[in-house]
Amino acid sequence: AKPVGSVKRRRELCDAAIEILGESGLKGLSHIKVDRRAGVAEGSTSVYFRTRRALVRAVAERLNERSRDGLLTLIKSASADDGSASNPTTSALATRLLSAAKDPFQTQVKARYELFLLASEDDEIAALFQQNLDLELEFLRQIVTRMQSSVAPPPESVVDDQTLAVVAMVSGITLSLVAGESTF
């Protein structure tokens, strides 16, 4: 196992790389730029991530970790939600969604979009993102299920369709906010 200090440094380097990725895209990401952004000696990033591919994968893992932590917090709040009119679950979702328009979250979301594009060519990164997508689907499914006004729960297929519609809506709003749309 790696010493705690190296885990902390890896995270710091990945966080610096996320900023660069969100600001400049994949073409702007390099070991030297990460070194400079993180304020470490030149060559430090290369010690932790020998290749650009290793760096990009580590960044995807770090983004996944950060996103997973936020999703797990939302899922936990959804589980405790009593379904009252002042629904903290949907408020938390709205707050999280609107945070995509402001830094540091906007930069993080832009970095995720960059890596989503790469995921179509990289099975490892695609698998990482699928883990978080599964968590997000679970959370949104909870919201959809709780918002049903009927006494009897709707068929699973209806909840599935509604959940996918909410995913599409959330994704569209997020993309619009990251692109600078401010009318939401």
N, C-alpha and C. Protein backbone atom coordinates (compact mmCIF):
# COMPACT_ATOMS: atom_id res chain seq x y z
N ALA A 1 0.84 -1.19 0.00
CA ALA A 1 0.00 0.00 0.00
C ALA A 1 0.88 1.24 0.00
N LYS A 2 0.38 2.29 -0.61
CA LYS A 2 1.13 3.54 -0.67
C LYS A 2 0.98 4.30 0.62
N PRO A 3 2.02 5.04 1.01
CA PRO A 3 1.90 5.87 2.21
C PRO A 3 0.81 6.92 2.04
N VAL A 4 0.24 7.37 3.14
CA VAL A 4 -0.85 8.35 3.09
C VAL A 4 -0.42 9.60 2.35
N GLY A 5 0.80 10.04 2.55
CA GLY A 5 1.28 11.25 1.88
C GLY A 5 1.20 11.14 0.37
N SER A 6 1.52 9.96 -0.18
CA SER A 6 1.47 9.82 -1.62
C SER A 6 0.02 9.80 -2.12
N VAL A 7 -0.90 9.26 -1.33
CA VAL A 7 -2.31 9.29 -1.70
C VAL A 7 -2.78 10.74 -1.73
N LYS A 8 -2.39 11.50 -0.74
CA LYS A 8 -2.76 12.92 -0.68
C LYS A 8 -2.17 13.67 -1.88
N ARG A 9 -0.92 13.42 -2.19
CA ARG A 9 -0.27 14.10 -3.32
C ARG A 9 -0.94 13.71 -4.63
N ARG A 10 -1.27 12.43 -4.81
CA ARG A 10 -1.97 11.99 -6.02
C ARG A 10 -3.27 12.76 -6.18
N ARG A 11 -4.01 12.91 -5.09
CA ARG A 11 -5.28 13.65 -5.15
C ARG A 11 -5.03 15.10 -5.52
N GLU A 12 -4.01 15.72 -4.92
CA GLU A 12 -3.70 17.11 -5.23
C GLU A 12 -3.35 17.27 -6.71
N LEU A 13 -2.55 16.36 -7.23
CA LEU A 13 -2.18 16.43 -8.64
C LEU A 13 -3.40 16.21 -9.54
N CYS A 14 -4.23 15.26 -9.17
CA CYS A 14 -5.45 15.01 -9.96
C CYS A 14 -6.39 16.21 -9.90
N ASP A 15 -6.52 16.83 -8.73
CA ASP A 15 -7.37 18.01 -8.62
C ASP A 15 -6.86 19.15 -9.49
N ALA A 16 -5.53 19.31 -9.53
CA ALA A 16 -4.94 20.32 -10.42
C ALA A 16 -5.22 19.97 -11.88
N ALA A 17 -5.11 18.68 -12.20
CA ALA A 17 -5.37 18.24 -13.58
C ALA A 17 -6.84 18.44 -13.95
N ILE A 18 -7.75 18.25 -13.00
CA ILE A 18 -9.17 18.49 -13.26
C ILE A 18 -9.40 19.94 -13.63
N GLU A 19 -8.76 20.85 -12.91
CA GLU A 19 -8.89 22.27 -13.24
C GLU A 19 -8.41 22.55 -14.67
N ILE A 20 -7.26 22.00 -15.00
CA ILE A 20 -6.71 22.22 -16.35
C ILE A 20 -7.63 21.62 -17.40
N LEU A 21 -8.09 20.40 -17.15
CA LEU A 21 -8.97 19.72 -18.09
C LEU A 21 -10.26 20.51 -18.30
N GLY A 22 -10.82 21.04 -17.21
CA GLY A 22 -12.05 21.82 -17.30
C GLY A 22 -11.86 23.15 -18.00
N GLU A 23 -10.67 23.70 -17.91
CA GLU A 23 -10.39 25.01 -18.53
C GLU A 23 -9.90 24.89 -19.97
N SER A 24 -9.07 23.87 -20.23
CA SER A 24 -8.38 23.79 -21.52
C SER A 24 -8.67 22.54 -22.32
N GLY A 25 -9.42 21.61 -21.76
CA GLY A 25 -9.72 20.37 -22.47
C GLY A 25 -8.56 19.39 -22.44
N LEU A 26 -8.78 18.24 -23.05
CA LEU A 26 -7.77 17.19 -23.07
C LEU A 26 -6.48 17.63 -23.74
N LYS A 27 -6.59 18.44 -24.79
CA LYS A 27 -5.39 18.89 -25.49
C LYS A 27 -4.52 19.79 -24.62
N GLY A 28 -5.12 20.44 -23.62
CA GLY A 28 -4.37 21.33 -22.76
C GLY A 28 -3.74 20.65 -21.55
N LEU A 29 -4.01 19.37 -21.38
CA LEU A 29 -3.52 18.64 -20.21
C LEU A 29 -2.14 18.05 -20.47
N SER A 30 -1.20 18.39 -19.59
CA SER A 30 0.14 17.80 -19.68
C SER A 30 0.72 17.69 -18.28
N HIS A 31 1.72 16.84 -18.14
CA HIS A 31 2.36 16.64 -16.85
C HIS A 31 2.94 17.96 -16.31
N ILE A 32 3.61 18.69 -17.17
CA ILE A 32 4.26 19.93 -16.74
C ILE A 32 3.23 20.97 -16.29
N LYS A 33 2.10 21.04 -16.99
CA LYS A 33 1.05 21.98 -16.60
C LYS A 33 0.45 21.60 -15.25
N VAL A 34 0.32 20.30 -15.01
CA VAL A 34 -0.18 19.86 -13.70
C VAL A 34 0.83 20.22 -12.62
N ASP A 35 2.11 19.99 -12.88
CA ASP A 35 3.15 20.37 -11.91
C ASP A 35 3.04 21.85 -11.54
N ARG A 36 2.93 22.68 -12.56
CA ARG A 36 2.85 24.13 -12.32
C ARG A 36 1.58 24.51 -11.58
N ARG A 37 0.44 23.95 -11.97
CA ARG A 37 -0.84 24.28 -11.31
C ARG A 37 -0.83 23.83 -9.85
N ALA A 38 -0.23 22.65 -9.59
CA ALA A 38 -0.20 22.11 -8.23
C ALA A 38 0.89 22.76 -7.39
N GLY A 39 1.79 23.51 -8.03
CA GLY A 39 2.86 24.17 -7.30
C GLY A 39 3.91 23.20 -6.79
N VAL A 40 4.20 22.18 -7.59
CA VAL A 40 5.20 21.18 -7.20
C VAL A 40 6.37 21.23 -8.17
N ALA A 41 7.45 20.58 -7.82
CA ALA A 41 8.64 20.56 -8.67
C ALA A 41 8.32 19.90 -10.01
N GLU A 42 8.92 20.43 -11.06
CA GLU A 42 8.72 19.84 -12.38
C GLU A 42 9.15 18.39 -12.35
N GLY A 43 8.33 17.55 -12.96
CA GLY A 43 8.60 16.12 -12.99
C GLY A 43 7.84 15.34 -11.91
N SER A 44 7.23 16.07 -10.97
CA SER A 44 6.51 15.39 -9.88
C SER A 44 5.33 14.57 -10.40
N THR A 45 4.57 15.14 -11.30
CA THR A 45 3.41 14.44 -11.82
C THR A 45 3.84 13.17 -12.55
N SER A 46 4.95 13.23 -13.25
CA SER A 46 5.46 12.06 -13.97
C SER A 46 5.88 10.94 -13.02
N VAL A 47 6.27 11.28 -11.80
CA VAL A 47 6.63 10.26 -10.82
C VAL A 47 5.39 9.45 -10.43
N TYR A 48 4.28 10.14 -10.27
CA TYR A 48 3.04 9.48 -9.86
C TYR A 48 2.30 8.85 -11.03
N PHE A 49 2.37 9.49 -12.19
CA PHE A 49 1.64 9.03 -13.37
C PHE A 49 2.63 9.02 -14.53
N ARG A 50 3.20 7.87 -14.83
CA ARG A 50 4.30 7.77 -15.78
C ARG A 50 3.92 8.20 -17.20
N THR A 51 2.69 7.98 -17.58
CA THR A 51 2.27 8.31 -18.94
C THR A 51 1.07 9.26 -18.88
N ARG A 52 0.79 9.86 -20.01
CA ARG A 52 -0.38 10.74 -20.10
C ARG A 52 -1.65 9.92 -19.89
N ARG A 53 -1.65 8.72 -20.43
CA ARG A 53 -2.80 7.83 -20.27
C ARG A 53 -3.04 7.52 -18.79
N ALA A 54 -1.99 7.27 -18.05
CA ALA A 54 -2.11 7.00 -16.61
C ALA A 54 -2.65 8.24 -15.89
N LEU A 55 -2.20 9.41 -16.30
CA LEU A 55 -2.69 10.65 -15.70
C LEU A 55 -4.18 10.82 -15.99
N VAL A 56 -4.59 10.63 -17.23
CA VAL A 56 -5.99 10.81 -17.61
C VAL A 56 -6.87 9.82 -16.86
N ARG A 57 -6.44 8.59 -16.75
CA ARG A 57 -7.23 7.59 -16.01
C ARG A 57 -7.32 7.95 -14.54
N ALA A 58 -6.23 8.43 -13.96
CA ALA A 58 -6.25 8.83 -12.55
C ALA A 58 -7.19 10.02 -12.34
N VAL A 59 -7.22 10.92 -13.30
CA VAL A 59 -8.14 12.06 -13.23
C VAL A 59 -9.57 11.57 -13.30
N ALA A 60 -9.84 10.61 -14.17
CA ALA A 60 -11.20 10.04 -14.27
C ALA A 60 -11.58 9.38 -12.94
N GLU A 61 -10.64 8.67 -12.33
CA GLU A 61 -10.92 8.04 -11.04
C GLU A 61 -11.21 9.08 -9.97
N ARG A 62 -10.44 10.15 -9.96
CA ARG A 62 -10.64 11.21 -8.97
C ARG A 62 -11.98 11.92 -9.19
N LEU A 63 -12.31 12.23 -10.43
CA LEU A 63 -13.62 12.84 -10.71
C LEU A 63 -14.74 11.91 -10.27
N ASN A 64 -14.56 10.63 -10.53
CA ASN A 64 -15.55 9.64 -10.14
C ASN A 64 -15.71 9.61 -8.62
N GLU A 65 -14.59 9.65 -7.92
CA GLU A 65 -14.60 9.65 -6.46
C GLU A 65 -15.35 10.88 -5.92
N ARG A 66 -15.02 12.04 -6.45
CA ARG A 66 -15.67 13.27 -5.99
C ARG A 66 -17.17 13.26 -6.29
N SER A 67 -17.52 12.81 -7.47
CA SER A 67 -18.93 12.74 -7.85
C SER A 67 -19.67 11.70 -7.01
N ARG A 68 -19.04 10.56 -6.79
CA ARG A 68 -19.66 9.49 -6.00
C ARG A 68 -19.95 9.97 -4.58
N ASP A 69 -19.01 10.69 -3.99
CA ASP A 69 -19.22 11.21 -2.63
C ASP A 69 -20.46 12.11 -2.58
N GLY A 70 -20.60 12.98 -3.56
CA GLY A 70 -21.78 13.86 -3.61
C GLY A 70 -23.06 13.09 -3.83
N LEU A 71 -23.01 12.09 -4.71
CA LEU A 71 -24.19 11.27 -4.97
C LEU A 71 -24.60 10.47 -3.74
N LEU A 72 -23.63 9.91 -3.05
CA LEU A 72 -23.95 9.12 -1.85
C LEU A 72 -24.58 9.99 -0.78
N THR A 73 -24.15 11.24 -0.67
CA THR A 73 -24.77 12.17 0.28
C THR A 73 -26.21 12.43 -0.11
N LEU A 74 -26.46 12.64 -1.42
CA LEU A 74 -27.83 12.86 -1.89
C LEU A 74 -28.70 11.63 -1.68
N ILE A 75 -28.16 10.45 -1.94
CA ILE A 75 -28.93 9.21 -1.75
C ILE A 75 -29.26 9.02 -0.28
N LYS A 76 -28.32 9.33 0.57
CA LYS A 76 -28.57 9.22 2.02
C LYS A 76 -29.68 10.17 2.44
N SER A 77 -29.66 11.40 1.92
CA SER A 77 -30.72 12.36 2.27
C SER A 77 -32.06 11.91 1.69
N ALA A 78 -32.03 11.28 0.51
CA ALA A 78 -33.27 10.78 -0.09
C ALA A 78 -33.86 9.66 0.76
N SER A 79 -33.01 8.83 1.31
CA SER A 79 -33.48 7.73 2.14
C SER A 79 -34.13 8.25 3.42
N ALA A 80 -33.66 9.38 3.92
CA ALA A 80 -34.22 9.96 5.15
C ALA A 80 -35.40 10.88 4.87
N ASP A 81 -35.64 11.19 3.60
CA ASP A 81 -36.71 12.10 3.20
C ASP A 81 -38.07 11.51 3.55
N ASP A 82 -38.90 12.27 4.21
CA ASP A 82 -40.22 11.78 4.61
C ASP A 82 -41.29 12.01 3.56
N GLY A 83 -40.90 12.59 2.41
CA GLY A 83 -41.86 12.81 1.33
C GLY A 83 -42.78 14.00 1.56
N SER A 84 -42.47 14.85 2.51
CA SER A 84 -43.33 16.01 2.80
C SER A 84 -43.28 17.02 1.66
N ALA A 85 -44.15 17.99 1.75
CA ALA A 85 -44.25 19.01 0.70
C ALA A 85 -42.94 19.76 0.51
N SER A 86 -42.26 20.05 1.60
CA SER A 86 -40.95 20.72 1.48
C SER A 86 -39.90 19.62 1.35
N ASN A 87 -39.80 19.10 0.15
CA ASN A 87 -39.00 17.92 -0.13
C ASN A 87 -37.51 18.26 -0.20
N PRO A 88 -36.72 17.85 0.81
CA PRO A 88 -35.29 18.16 0.79
C PRO A 88 -34.53 17.45 -0.32
N THR A 89 -35.04 16.33 -0.80
CA THR A 89 -34.36 15.59 -1.84
C THR A 89 -34.36 16.36 -3.15
N THR A 90 -35.52 16.85 -3.57
CA THR A 90 -35.57 17.59 -4.82
C THR A 90 -34.86 18.93 -4.68
N SER A 91 -34.91 19.52 -3.49
CA SER A 91 -34.16 20.76 -3.26
C SER A 91 -32.67 20.51 -3.38
N ALA A 92 -32.20 19.39 -2.83
CA ALA A 92 -30.78 19.06 -2.93
C ALA A 92 -30.38 18.82 -4.39
N LEU A 93 -31.25 18.16 -5.14
CA LEU A 93 -30.98 17.95 -6.56
C LEU A 93 -30.92 19.27 -7.31
N ALA A 94 -31.86 20.15 -7.05
CA ALA A 94 -31.88 21.46 -7.73
C ALA A 94 -30.63 22.27 -7.38
N THR A 95 -30.24 22.24 -6.11
CA THR A 95 -29.04 22.96 -5.67
C THR A 95 -27.81 22.41 -6.37
N ARG A 96 -27.71 21.09 -6.42
CA ARG A 96 -26.57 20.46 -7.08
C ARG A 96 -26.56 20.78 -8.57
N LEU A 97 -27.71 20.75 -9.18
CA LEU A 97 -27.81 21.03 -10.60
C LEU A 97 -27.37 22.46 -10.91
N LEU A 98 -27.86 23.41 -10.13
CA LEU A 98 -27.51 24.82 -10.37
C LEU A 98 -26.05 25.12 -10.04
N SER A 99 -25.44 24.30 -9.19
CA SER A 99 -24.02 24.52 -8.87
C SER A 99 -23.14 24.29 -10.09
N ALA A 100 -23.66 23.59 -11.10
CA ALA A 100 -22.88 23.35 -12.31
C ALA A 100 -22.58 24.64 -13.06
N ALA A 101 -23.29 25.71 -12.72
CA ALA A 101 -23.08 26.99 -13.40
C ALA A 101 -21.98 27.82 -12.74
N LYS A 102 -21.48 27.36 -11.58
CA LYS A 102 -20.50 28.15 -10.84
C LYS A 102 -19.27 27.31 -10.51
N ASP A 103 -18.13 27.97 -10.47
CA ASP A 103 -16.92 27.27 -10.06
C ASP A 103 -16.92 27.09 -8.56
N PRO A 104 -16.31 26.04 -8.07
CA PRO A 104 -15.43 25.10 -8.76
C PRO A 104 -16.18 23.99 -9.49
N PHE A 105 -17.48 23.89 -9.32
CA PHE A 105 -18.23 22.78 -9.90
C PHE A 105 -18.30 22.87 -11.42
N GLN A 106 -18.37 24.07 -11.96
CA GLN A 106 -18.47 24.21 -13.41
C GLN A 106 -17.22 23.63 -14.08
N THR A 107 -16.07 23.92 -13.53
CA THR A 107 -14.83 23.38 -14.08
C THR A 107 -14.82 21.86 -13.98
N GLN A 108 -15.30 21.34 -12.87
CA GLN A 108 -15.36 19.89 -12.67
C GLN A 108 -16.31 19.25 -13.68
N VAL A 109 -17.45 19.87 -13.92
CA VAL A 109 -18.42 19.33 -14.88
C VAL A 109 -17.83 19.38 -16.29
N LYS A 110 -17.15 20.45 -16.63
CA LYS A 110 -16.52 20.53 -17.95
C LYS A 110 -15.47 19.43 -18.11
N ALA A 111 -14.71 19.18 -17.06
CA ALA A 111 -13.72 18.11 -17.11
C ALA A 111 -14.39 16.76 -17.32
N ARG A 112 -15.52 16.55 -16.64
CA ARG A 112 -16.28 15.29 -16.82
C ARG A 112 -16.74 15.14 -18.27
N TYR A 113 -17.24 16.22 -18.87
CA TYR A 113 -17.68 16.15 -20.25
C TYR A 113 -16.52 15.79 -21.18
N GLU A 114 -15.36 16.35 -20.93
CA GLU A 114 -14.18 16.00 -21.72
C GLU A 114 -13.91 14.50 -21.62
N LEU A 115 -13.99 13.97 -20.41
CA LEU A 115 -13.71 12.55 -20.22
C LEU A 115 -14.85 11.66 -20.73
N PHE A 116 -16.08 12.17 -20.71
CA PHE A 116 -17.20 11.42 -21.29
C PHE A 116 -16.93 11.17 -22.77
N LEU A 117 -16.43 12.18 -23.45
CA LEU A 117 -16.12 12.02 -24.87
C LEU A 117 -15.03 10.97 -25.06
N LEU A 118 -14.04 10.98 -24.20
CA LEU A 118 -12.96 10.00 -24.28
C LEU A 118 -13.46 8.60 -23.92
N ALA A 119 -14.45 8.51 -23.06
CA ALA A 119 -14.97 7.21 -22.61
C ALA A 119 -15.50 6.37 -23.76
N SER A 120 -15.92 7.01 -24.83
CA SER A 120 -16.42 6.24 -25.98
C SER A 120 -15.30 5.42 -26.63
N GLU A 121 -14.04 5.80 -26.34
CA GLU A 121 -12.89 5.10 -26.91
C GLU A 121 -12.09 4.34 -25.85
N ASP A 122 -12.44 4.49 -24.58
CA ASP A 122 -11.66 3.90 -23.48
C ASP A 122 -12.60 3.16 -22.54
N ASP A 123 -12.53 1.84 -22.60
CA ASP A 123 -13.44 1.02 -21.81
C ASP A 123 -13.27 1.19 -20.30
N GLU A 124 -12.05 1.43 -19.83
CA GLU A 124 -11.82 1.62 -18.39
C GLU A 124 -12.52 2.88 -17.88
N ILE A 125 -12.37 3.96 -18.61
CA ILE A 125 -13.01 5.21 -18.22
C ILE A 125 -14.52 5.07 -18.34
N ALA A 126 -14.99 4.40 -19.37
CA ALA A 126 -16.42 4.16 -19.52
C ALA A 126 -16.97 3.38 -18.33
N ALA A 127 -16.24 2.38 -17.87
CA ALA A 127 -16.68 1.57 -16.72
C ALA A 127 -16.73 2.42 -15.45
N LEU A 128 -15.77 3.31 -15.28
CA LEU A 128 -15.79 4.21 -14.11
C LEU A 128 -17.04 5.08 -14.13
N PHE A 129 -17.33 5.66 -15.27
CA PHE A 129 -18.50 6.53 -15.36
C PHE A 129 -19.80 5.76 -15.20
N GLN A 130 -19.81 4.50 -15.63
CA GLN A 130 -21.01 3.68 -15.49
C GLN A 130 -21.35 3.47 -14.02
N GLN A 131 -20.33 3.33 -13.17
CA GLN A 131 -20.57 3.17 -11.73
C GLN A 131 -21.35 4.36 -11.18
N ASN A 132 -20.91 5.55 -11.54
CA ASN A 132 -21.61 6.75 -11.05
C ASN A 132 -22.96 6.92 -11.71
N LEU A 133 -23.09 6.54 -12.96
CA LEU A 133 -24.38 6.62 -13.63
C LEU A 133 -25.38 5.71 -12.92
N ASP A 134 -24.94 4.54 -12.51
CA ASP A 134 -25.83 3.63 -11.77
C ASP A 134 -26.29 4.26 -10.46
N LEU A 135 -25.39 4.93 -9.75
CA LEU A 135 -25.77 5.62 -8.51
C LEU A 135 -26.74 6.76 -8.79
N GLU A 136 -26.45 7.52 -9.84
CA GLU A 136 -27.33 8.64 -10.20
C GLU A 136 -28.72 8.14 -10.58
N LEU A 137 -28.76 7.06 -11.33
CA LEU A 137 -30.05 6.49 -11.70
C LEU A 137 -30.83 6.02 -10.47
N GLU A 138 -30.14 5.44 -9.51
CA GLU A 138 -30.79 5.01 -8.27
C GLU A 138 -31.39 6.21 -7.54
N PHE A 139 -30.62 7.28 -7.45
CA PHE A 139 -31.09 8.49 -6.78
C PHE A 139 -32.30 9.09 -7.50
N LEU A 140 -32.20 9.25 -8.81
CA LEU A 140 -33.29 9.85 -9.57
C LEU A 140 -34.53 8.95 -9.57
N ARG A 141 -34.31 7.67 -9.56
CA ARG A 141 -35.43 6.73 -9.47
C ARG A 141 -36.18 6.92 -8.14
N GLN A 142 -35.43 7.14 -7.06
CA GLN A 142 -36.07 7.41 -5.76
C GLN A 142 -36.94 8.66 -5.84
N ILE A 143 -36.42 9.69 -6.47
CA ILE A 143 -37.18 10.94 -6.60
C ILE A 143 -38.45 10.70 -7.42
N VAL A 144 -38.30 10.04 -8.57
CA VAL A 144 -39.45 9.78 -9.44
C VAL A 144 -40.50 8.96 -8.69
N THR A 145 -40.07 7.95 -7.98
CA THR A 145 -41.00 7.10 -7.25
C THR A 145 -41.75 7.89 -6.19
N ARG A 146 -41.05 8.75 -5.47
CA ARG A 146 -41.68 9.54 -4.41
C ARG A 146 -42.63 10.60 -4.94
N MET A 147 -42.43 11.02 -6.16
CA MET A 147 -43.27 12.09 -6.70
C MET A 147 -44.56 11.57 -7.31
N GLN A 148 -44.75 10.28 -7.34
CA GLN A 148 -45.98 9.73 -7.90
C GLN A 148 -47.16 10.11 -7.02
N SER A 149 -48.20 10.61 -7.64
CA SER A 149 -49.35 11.07 -6.86
C SER A 149 -50.40 9.99 -6.66
N SER A 150 -50.27 8.90 -7.36
CA SER A 150 -51.28 7.86 -7.24
C SER A 150 -51.09 7.06 -5.95
N VAL A 151 -52.15 6.46 -5.49
CA VAL A 151 -52.10 5.64 -4.28
C VAL A 151 -51.31 4.37 -4.56
N ALA A 152 -51.59 3.74 -5.68
CA ALA A 152 -50.86 2.53 -6.06
C ALA A 152 -49.63 2.93 -6.85
N PRO A 153 -48.49 2.32 -6.56
CA PRO A 153 -47.30 2.66 -7.32
C PRO A 153 -47.47 2.29 -8.80
N PRO A 154 -46.89 3.09 -9.68
CA PRO A 154 -47.01 2.80 -11.12
C PRO A 154 -46.17 1.56 -11.46
N PRO A 155 -46.41 0.99 -12.62
CA PRO A 155 -45.59 -0.15 -13.05
C PRO A 155 -44.12 0.25 -13.15
N GLU A 156 -43.26 -0.72 -12.93
CA GLU A 156 -41.80 -0.48 -13.00
C GLU A 156 -41.39 0.13 -14.35
N SER A 157 -42.03 -0.30 -15.42
CA SER A 157 -41.66 0.22 -16.74
C SER A 157 -41.95 1.72 -16.84
N VAL A 158 -43.02 2.19 -16.18
CA VAL A 158 -43.34 3.61 -16.18
C VAL A 158 -42.29 4.38 -15.38
N VAL A 159 -41.91 3.85 -14.22
CA VAL A 159 -40.88 4.49 -13.40
C VAL A 159 -39.55 4.51 -14.17
N ASP A 160 -39.24 3.43 -14.87
CA ASP A 160 -38.01 3.38 -15.67
C ASP A 160 -38.02 4.48 -16.73
N ASP A 161 -39.13 4.58 -17.47
CA ASP A 161 -39.23 5.61 -18.52
C ASP A 161 -39.14 7.02 -17.93
N GLN A 162 -39.83 7.26 -16.82
CA GLN A 162 -39.80 8.58 -16.19
C GLN A 162 -38.40 8.91 -15.67
N THR A 163 -37.72 7.91 -15.12
CA THR A 163 -36.36 8.13 -14.62
C THR A 163 -35.43 8.52 -15.76
N LEU A 164 -35.53 7.83 -16.87
CA LEU A 164 -34.69 8.17 -18.03
C LEU A 164 -35.01 9.57 -18.55
N ALA A 165 -36.28 9.96 -18.49
CA ALA A 165 -36.65 11.32 -18.90
C ALA A 165 -36.02 12.35 -17.96
N VAL A 166 -36.02 12.07 -16.67
CA VAL A 166 -35.39 12.99 -15.70
C VAL A 166 -33.89 13.05 -15.94
N VAL A 167 -33.26 11.92 -16.22
CA VAL A 167 -31.82 11.89 -16.52
C VAL A 167 -31.54 12.79 -17.73
N ALA A 168 -32.35 12.66 -18.77
CA ALA A 168 -32.15 13.49 -19.97
C ALA A 168 -32.33 14.96 -19.65
N MET A 169 -33.34 15.28 -18.84
CA MET A 169 -33.59 16.67 -18.46
C MET A 169 -32.41 17.23 -17.65
N VAL A 170 -31.98 16.48 -16.64
CA VAL A 170 -30.87 16.92 -15.80
C VAL A 170 -29.61 17.10 -16.64
N SER A 171 -29.34 16.15 -17.52
CA SER A 171 -28.16 16.25 -18.39
C SER A 171 -28.23 17.47 -19.29
N GLY A 172 -29.40 17.71 -19.86
CA GLY A 172 -29.57 18.88 -20.74
C GLY A 172 -29.41 20.19 -20.00
N ILE A 173 -30.00 20.28 -18.82
CA ILE A 173 -29.86 21.51 -18.03
C ILE A 173 -28.41 21.71 -17.63
N THR A 174 -27.75 20.64 -17.21
CA THR A 174 -26.34 20.74 -16.81
C THR A 174 -25.50 21.24 -17.97
N LEU A 175 -25.68 20.65 -19.13
CA LEU A 175 -24.91 21.07 -20.30
C LEU A 175 -25.19 22.53 -20.64
N SER A 176 -26.44 22.94 -20.56
CA SER A 176 -26.79 24.34 -20.84
C SER A 176 -26.14 25.29 -19.85
N LEU A 177 -26.15 24.92 -18.58
CA LEU A 177 -25.53 25.77 -17.55
C LEU A 177 -24.03 25.88 -17.75
N VAL A 178 -23.40 24.77 -18.05
CA VAL A 178 -21.96 24.78 -18.28
C VAL A 178 -21.61 25.60 -19.51
N ALA A 179 -22.51 25.60 -20.50
CA ALA A 179 -22.27 26.37 -21.73
C ALA A 179 -22.56 27.85 -21.56
N GLY A 180 -23.05 28.24 -20.37
CA GLY A 180 -23.25 29.66 -20.11
C GLY A 180 -24.69 30.12 -20.13
N GLU A 181 -25.63 29.23 -20.35
CA GLU A 181 -27.05 29.59 -20.33
C GLU A 181 -27.42 29.96 -18.89
N SER A 182 -28.10 31.07 -18.71
CA SER A 182 -28.40 31.53 -17.34
C SER A 182 -29.88 31.74 -17.09
N THR A 183 -30.74 31.23 -17.94
CA THR A 183 -32.16 31.50 -17.77
C THR A 183 -32.88 30.50 -16.87
N PHE A 184 -32.17 29.49 -16.36
CA PHE A 184 -32.85 28.50 -15.53
C PHE A 184 -33.12 29.05 -14.15
